Amino acid sequence: MTRIKICGITNLEDALIACNAGADALGFVFYEKSPRFIEPKKVKAIIEKLPPFVKIVGLFVNADAKSVDTVCNEVCIDIAQIHFEPEGDFFNQLQTPYIRVVRATSKEDILKYKDEYILVDAFVESYGGEGKRVALEWFKGIDCSHIILAGGLMPENLSELKGYGFYGVDVSSGVEREKGIKDHQKIEAFIANAKSL
């Protein structure tokens, strides 16, 4: 069954709607330049009111491993989403479980990390949330069971993913009313459609 992550959560109401609709994970953006940025202490207050068995993901851009670990420990983040290409031994230093984001510009980018779970997003200068889609033809003929697809997904186009066998799907702008504020009907429709993949 396809796992579903609703990203760019900024308030408790949106978080609860996503959980009640069946989201497997919620994403919180700790990148200050993003319109979906939320302070760690606000995230902690939100997740204290959430039901169990929902994974909490923190999205980081251009942060060092120690900073990522500090925030994740303080807020009780389950998984760090590393939305940039860190240098050196960043991943060896990182103590928090993580998911690597591949900001794909070609099929070759997707194949680089075929032995680990990855989140594949379309390359944009602003690090995601722009609704740009990844070319689906890049995934033809490859094992997608370790890939979470992001970028330009919305309730209306999820049916195009049938047959690919993606591990999961990740949405932010595709279920928004405005940047940082979710449309609850779109969240419910997205999750219902994703569960039928």
Protein backbone atom coordinates (compact mmCIF):
# COMPACT_ATOMS: atom_id res chain seq x y z
CA MET A 1 0.00 0.00 0.00
CA THR A 2 1.28 3.45 -0.91
CA ARG A 3 2.40 5.52 2.08
CA ILE A 4 1.23 9.13 2.21
CA LYS A 5 3.03 12.17 3.60
CA ILE A 6 1.39 15.58 3.88
CA CYS A 7 4.18 18.17 4.02
CA GLY A 8 4.35 21.86 4.88
CA ILE A 9 2.05 21.61 7.90
CA THR A 10 1.92 24.90 9.84
CA ASN A 11 -1.00 24.48 12.24
CA LEU A 12 -2.80 21.93 14.41
CA GLU A 13 -6.07 21.97 12.46
CA ASP A 14 -4.39 20.96 9.20
CA ALA A 15 -2.35 18.32 11.02
CA LEU A 16 -5.44 16.72 12.58
CA ILE A 17 -7.37 16.73 9.30
CA ALA A 18 -4.46 14.93 7.62
CA CYS A 19 -4.16 12.38 10.42
CA ASN A 20 -7.90 11.70 10.53
CA ALA A 21 -7.97 11.26 6.74
CA GLY A 22 -5.28 8.57 6.99
CA ALA A 23 -1.91 10.25 6.40
CA ASP A 24 1.06 8.06 7.38
CA ALA A 25 3.39 11.01 7.96
CA LEU A 26 3.34 14.77 8.45
CA GLY A 27 6.13 17.06 7.30
CA PHE A 28 7.27 20.25 9.02
CA VAL A 29 9.59 22.69 7.27
CA PHE A 30 12.52 24.03 9.31
CA TYR A 31 13.90 26.12 6.44
CA GLU A 32 13.43 29.78 7.33
CA LYS A 33 13.24 31.02 3.72
CA SER A 34 10.22 28.83 3.02
CA PRO A 35 6.69 30.27 3.21
CA ARG A 36 5.85 27.05 5.08
CA PHE A 37 8.52 27.54 7.75
CA ILE A 38 7.43 26.75 11.28
CA GLU A 39 9.36 27.23 14.50
CA PRO A 40 10.41 24.02 16.28
CA LYS A 41 8.60 24.94 19.52
CA LYS A 42 5.33 25.32 17.57
CA VAL A 43 5.84 21.90 16.00
CA LYS A 44 6.34 20.37 19.43
CA ALA A 45 3.06 21.89 20.62
CA ILE A 46 1.26 20.46 17.56
CA ILE A 47 2.63 16.93 17.75
CA GLU A 48 1.78 16.65 21.44
CA LYS A 49 -1.87 16.76 20.36
CA LEU A 50 -1.64 14.24 17.50
CA PRO A 51 -2.77 10.62 17.55
CA PRO A 52 -0.15 7.84 17.75
CA PHE A 53 1.35 5.91 14.80
CA VAL A 54 1.81 8.96 12.56
CA LYS A 55 5.45 9.60 11.62
CA ILE A 56 6.74 13.14 12.16
CA VAL A 57 9.21 14.35 9.54
CA GLY A 58 11.37 17.48 9.77
CA LEU A 59 12.56 19.05 6.52
CA PHE A 60 16.02 20.65 6.61
CA VAL A 61 17.95 22.73 4.08
CA ASN A 62 21.62 23.74 4.37
CA ALA A 63 21.94 22.71 8.03
CA ASP A 64 24.81 20.87 9.71
CA ALA A 65 24.29 17.44 11.27
CA LYS A 66 24.51 18.70 14.84
CA SER A 67 21.81 21.31 14.25
CA VAL A 68 19.53 18.73 12.65
CA ASP A 69 19.99 16.32 15.56
CA THR A 70 19.41 19.07 18.12
CA VAL A 71 16.09 20.13 16.57
CA CYS A 72 14.94 16.55 16.06
CA ASN A 73 15.71 15.62 19.67
CA GLU A 74 14.02 18.69 21.10
CA VAL A 75 10.88 18.34 19.02
CA CYS A 76 10.66 14.51 18.91
CA ILE A 77 11.03 14.30 15.13
CA ASP A 78 11.07 10.71 13.83
CA ILE A 79 12.82 11.29 10.49
CA ALA A 80 14.95 14.13 9.14
CA GLN A 81 14.26 14.91 5.48
CA ILE A 82 17.55 16.16 4.07
CA HIS A 83 16.48 18.45 1.24
CA PHE A 84 19.94 19.47 0.05
CA GLU A 85 23.21 17.85 -1.02
CA PRO A 86 25.40 17.90 2.10
CA GLU A 87 29.17 17.79 1.86
CA GLY A 88 31.68 15.61 3.68
CA ASP A 89 30.57 12.99 6.17
CA PHE A 90 27.26 14.67 7.08
CA PHE A 91 25.31 11.41 7.01
CA ASN A 92 27.88 9.62 9.16
CA GLN A 93 27.63 12.38 11.76
CA LEU A 94 23.83 12.47 11.71
CA GLN A 95 22.28 10.45 14.53
CA THR A 96 18.64 10.97 13.55
CA PRO A 97 17.06 8.52 11.06
CA TYR A 98 16.86 10.30 7.72
CA ILE A 99 15.50 10.25 4.21
CA ARG A 100 17.65 11.66 1.44
CA VAL A 101 15.93 13.96 -1.07
CA VAL A 102 17.03 13.67 -4.70
CA ARG A 103 16.19 16.87 -6.56
CA ALA A 104 16.11 15.18 -9.92
CA THR A 105 17.14 16.76 -13.20
CA SER A 106 17.46 13.44 -15.06
CA LYS A 107 16.79 9.71 -14.77
CA GLU A 108 20.45 9.21 -13.76
CA ASP A 109 19.85 11.23 -10.58
CA ILE A 110 17.20 8.75 -9.48
CA LEU A 111 19.45 5.74 -10.02
CA LYS A 112 22.31 7.07 -7.84
CA TYR A 113 20.87 5.78 -4.56
CA LYS A 114 18.99 2.64 -5.59
CA ASP A 115 20.07 0.78 -2.44
CA GLU A 116 18.31 3.17 -0.03
CA TYR A 117 14.92 4.75 0.42
CA ILE A 118 14.85 8.18 -1.22
CA LEU A 119 12.38 10.98 -1.79
CA VAL A 120 12.47 12.19 -5.39
CA ASP A 121 11.42 15.76 -6.07
CA ALA A 122 11.74 17.98 -9.12
CA PHE A 123 14.72 20.31 -9.04
CA VAL A 124 13.77 23.92 -8.26
CA GLU A 125 16.05 26.64 -6.92
CA SER A 126 13.79 27.26 -3.93
CA TYR A 127 14.01 23.68 -2.60
CA GLY A 128 10.54 22.39 -3.38
CA GLY A 129 6.99 23.45 -2.72
CA GLU A 130 6.59 24.93 -6.19
CA GLY A 131 4.42 22.19 -7.64
CA LYS A 132 6.91 21.27 -10.37
CA ARG A 133 6.58 17.69 -11.56
CA VAL A 134 9.19 15.01 -12.11
CA ALA A 135 9.01 13.32 -15.53
CA LEU A 136 7.21 10.01 -14.99
CA GLU A 137 8.99 8.38 -17.92
CA TRP A 138 12.19 8.47 -15.85
CA PHE A 139 10.71 5.78 -13.60
CA LYS A 140 9.77 3.33 -16.35
CA GLY A 141 11.61 0.05 -16.05
CA ILE A 142 13.11 0.73 -12.62
CA ASP A 143 12.19 -0.60 -9.17
CA CYS A 144 10.21 2.17 -7.47
CA SER A 145 9.54 0.27 -4.23
CA HIS A 146 12.12 2.40 -2.37
CA ILE A 147 11.03 5.72 -3.87
CA ILE A 148 8.73 8.36 -2.38
CA LEU A 149 7.55 10.63 -5.17
CA ALA A 150 7.04 14.35 -4.60
CA GLY A 151 6.64 17.37 -6.83
CA GLY A 152 3.48 18.56 -8.54
CA LEU A 153 1.20 15.86 -7.15
CA MET A 154 -2.45 16.65 -6.51
CA PRO A 155 -5.66 14.64 -6.10
CA GLU A 156 -6.45 14.87 -9.82
CA ASN A 157 -3.21 13.39 -11.18
CA LEU A 158 -2.47 10.54 -8.76
CA SER A 159 -4.11 8.02 -11.10
CA GLU A 160 -1.14 8.53 -13.46
CA LEU A 161 1.09 6.78 -10.89
CA LYS A 162 -0.73 3.45 -11.07
CA GLY A 163 1.53 0.57 -11.98
CA TYR A 164 4.78 2.21 -10.91
CA GLY A 165 4.76 0.79 -7.39
CA PHE A 166 6.10 3.82 -5.54
CA TYR A 167 6.72 3.27 -1.83
CA GLY A 168 4.99 6.55 -1.09
CA VAL A 169 3.79 9.95 -2.24
CA ASP A 170 4.50 13.35 -0.71
CA VAL A 171 2.39 16.47 -1.25
CA SER A 172 2.53 20.06 -0.07
CA SER A 173 1.38 22.73 -2.54
CA GLY A 174 -1.04 20.31 -4.26
CA VAL A 175 -3.35 20.34 -1.23
CA GLU A 176 -3.06 24.00 -0.27
CA ARG A 177 -5.56 26.86 -0.22
CA GLU A 178 -2.62 29.27 -0.03
CA LYS A 179 1.05 28.77 0.82
CA GLY A 180 1.25 27.20 4.25
CA ILE A 181 -2.52 26.75 4.66
CA LYS A 182 -4.11 23.48 3.60
CA ASP A 183 -7.40 22.89 1.82
CA HIS A 184 -9.06 20.19 3.90
CA GLN A 185 -11.16 18.79 1.05
CA LYS A 186 -8.04 18.48 -1.10
CA ILE A 187 -6.19 16.65 1.69
CA GLU A 188 -9.04 14.16 2.04
CA ALA A 189 -9.31 13.66 -1.72
CA PHE A 190 -5.53 13.25 -2.10
CA ILE A 191 -5.32 10.63 0.62
CA ALA A 192 -8.36 8.72 -0.67
CA ASN A 193 -6.93 8.66 -4.21
CA ALA A 194 -3.44 7.70 -3.01
CA LYS A 195 -4.83 4.75 -1.06
CA SER A 196 -6.28 3.35 -4.29
CA LEU A 197 -2.90 3.23 -6.05
